[in-house]
């Protein structure tokens, strides 16, 4: 995925202390995907999610829920 650096911005959900930093980018011009990456690893991998999936992810994180696929897919 090739996203211009100028498209990335730090999420308001990021830890201001620098420990948990997430950056997001709306993939312009269609806004059909939201890119997500670790701001500490800007050259690392990024996820591309449909806006609905990103909203669901943020909703689960905001409620302290997580999904552990490595543990048989148990929802916690």
C-alpha atoms as a PDB file:
ATOM      1  CA  UNK A   1       0.000   0.000   0.000  1.00  0.00           C
ATOM      2  CA  UNK A   2       1.476   3.303  -1.044  1.00  0.00           C
ATOM      3  CA  UNK A   3      -0.018   6.113   1.071  1.00  0.00           C
ATOM      4  CA  UNK A   4       1.535   9.600   0.887  1.00  0.00           C
ATOM      5  CA  UNK A   5       3.100  10.688   4.176  1.00  0.00           C
ATOM      6  CA  UNK A   6       0.940  13.814   4.129  1.00  0.00           C
ATOM      7  CA  UNK A   7      -2.217  11.652   4.353  1.00  0.00           C
ATOM      8  CA  UNK A   8      -1.290  10.118   7.737  1.00  0.00           C
ATOM      9  CA  UNK A   9      -2.360  11.692  11.029  1.00  0.00           C
ATOM     10  CA  UNK A  10      -2.167  10.583  14.640  1.00  0.00           C
ATOM     11  CA  UNK A  11      -5.391   9.124  15.935  1.00  0.00           C
ATOM     12  CA  UNK A  12      -7.065  10.818  18.855  1.00  0.00           C
ATOM     13  CA  UNK A  13      -7.050   7.362  20.486  1.00  0.00           C
ATOM     14  CA  UNK A  14      -3.235   7.356  20.633  1.00  0.00           C
ATOM     15  CA  UNK A  15      -1.369   7.472  23.922  1.00  0.00           C
ATOM     16  CA  UNK A  16       0.114  10.946  24.289  1.00  0.00           C
ATOM     17  CA  UNK A  17       3.097   9.455  26.157  1.00  0.00           C
ATOM     18  CA  UNK A  18       4.303   7.749  22.984  1.00  0.00           C
ATOM     19  CA  UNK A  19       3.631   4.185  24.098  1.00  0.00           C
ATOM     20  CA  UNK A  20       0.592   3.360  21.979  1.00  0.00           C
ATOM     21  CA  UNK A  21       0.636   5.438  18.838  1.00  0.00           C
ATOM     22  CA  UNK A  22      -1.713   4.760  15.969  1.00  0.00           C
ATOM     23  CA  UNK A  23      -1.864   6.764  12.775  1.00  0.00           C
ATOM     24  CA  UNK A  24      -4.688   6.626  10.280  1.00  0.00           C
ATOM     25  CA  UNK A  25      -5.235   7.863   6.738  1.00  0.00           C
ATOM     26  CA  UNK A  26      -8.384   8.133   4.670  1.00  0.00           C
ATOM     27  CA  UNK A  27      -7.442   6.795   1.271  1.00  0.00           C
ATOM     28  CA  UNK A  28      -8.311   9.699  -0.985  1.00  0.00           C
ATOM     29  CA  UNK A  29     -10.202  10.357  -3.197  1.00  0.00           C
ATOM     30  CA  UNK A  30     -12.669   7.534  -2.646  1.00  0.00           C
ATOM     31  CA  UNK A  31     -12.561   7.188   1.170  1.00  0.00           C
ATOM     32  CA  UNK A  32     -13.493   3.558   0.637  1.00  0.00           C
ATOM     33  CA  UNK A  33     -10.648   2.392   2.901  1.00  0.00           C
ATOM     34  CA  UNK A  34      -9.024   3.590   6.100  1.00  0.00           C
ATOM     35  CA  UNK A  35      -5.328   2.820   6.484  1.00  0.00           C
ATOM     36  CA  UNK A  36      -3.968   2.130   9.987  1.00  0.00           C
ATOM     37  CA  UNK A  37      -0.308   1.897  11.050  1.00  0.00           C
ATOM     38  CA  UNK A  38       1.942   2.047  14.097  1.00  0.00           C
ATOM     39  CA  UNK A  39       3.471   5.529  14.168  1.00  0.00           C
ATOM     40  CA  UNK A  40       6.652   4.133  15.702  1.00  0.00           C
ATOM     41  CA  UNK A  41       7.089   1.977  12.561  1.00  0.00           C
ATOM     42  CA  UNK A  42       6.104   4.270   9.674  1.00  0.00           C
ATOM     43  CA  UNK A  43       7.854   2.029   7.137  1.00  0.00           C
ATOM     44  CA  UNK A  44       6.265  -1.086   8.617  1.00  0.00           C
ATOM     45  CA  UNK A  45       3.024  -2.758   7.634  1.00  0.00           C
ATOM     46  CA  UNK A  46      -0.295  -0.942   7.438  1.00  0.00           C
ATOM     47  CA  UNK A  47      -3.810  -2.303   7.478  1.00  0.00           C
ATOM     48  CA  UNK A  48      -6.435  -1.175   4.988  1.00  0.00           C
ATOM     49  CA  UNK A  49      -9.968  -1.483   6.351  1.00  0.00           C
ATOM     50  CA  UNK A  50     -13.393  -0.520   5.029  1.00  0.00           C
ATOM     51  CA  UNK A  51     -14.755   2.423   7.068  1.00  0.00           C
ATOM     52  CA  UNK A  52     -17.394   0.185   8.676  1.00  0.00           C
ATOM     53  CA  UNK A  53     -14.761  -2.305   9.896  1.00  0.00           C
ATOM     54  CA  UNK A  54     -12.601   0.527  11.244  1.00  0.00           C
ATOM     55  CA  UNK A  55     -15.586   1.980  13.125  1.00  0.00           C
ATOM     56  CA  UNK A  56     -16.346  -1.451  14.632  1.00  0.00           C
ATOM     57  CA  UNK A  57     -12.683  -1.842  15.650  1.00  0.00           C
ATOM     58  CA  UNK A  58     -12.641   1.567  17.336  1.00  0.00           C
ATOM     59  CA  UNK A  59     -15.920   0.755  19.102  1.00  0.00           C
ATOM     60  CA  UNK A  60     -14.524  -2.493  20.508  1.00  0.00           C
ATOM     61  CA  UNK A  61     -11.261  -0.886  21.601  1.00  0.00           C
ATOM     62  CA  UNK A  62     -13.163   1.965  23.226  1.00  0.00           C
ATOM     63  CA  UNK A  63     -15.119  -0.547  25.297  1.00  0.00           C
ATOM     64  CA  UNK A  64     -11.954  -2.428  26.243  1.00  0.00           C
ATOM     65  CA  UNK A  65     -12.892  -5.499  24.190  1.00  0.00           C
ATOM     66  CA  UNK A  66     -10.404  -7.508  22.193  1.00  0.00           C
ATOM     67  CA  UNK A  67     -10.360 -10.416  19.813  1.00  0.00           C
ATOM     68  CA  UNK A  68      -7.637 -13.036  20.195  1.00  0.00           C
ATOM     69  CA  UNK A  69      -7.391 -15.075  16.991  1.00  0.00           C
ATOM     70  CA  UNK A  70      -4.272 -16.769  18.339  1.00  0.00           C
ATOM     71  CA  UNK A  71      -6.331 -18.254  21.177  1.00  0.00           C
ATOM     72  CA  UNK A  72      -8.951 -19.960  19.060  1.00  0.00           C
ATOM     73  CA  UNK A  73     -10.908 -16.821  18.284  1.00  0.00           C
ATOM     74  CA  UNK A  74     -12.293 -16.233  21.767  1.00  0.00           C
ATOM     75  CA  UNK A  75     -13.899 -12.850  22.141  1.00  0.00           C
ATOM     76  CA  UNK A  76     -12.997 -11.104  25.373  1.00  0.00           C
END
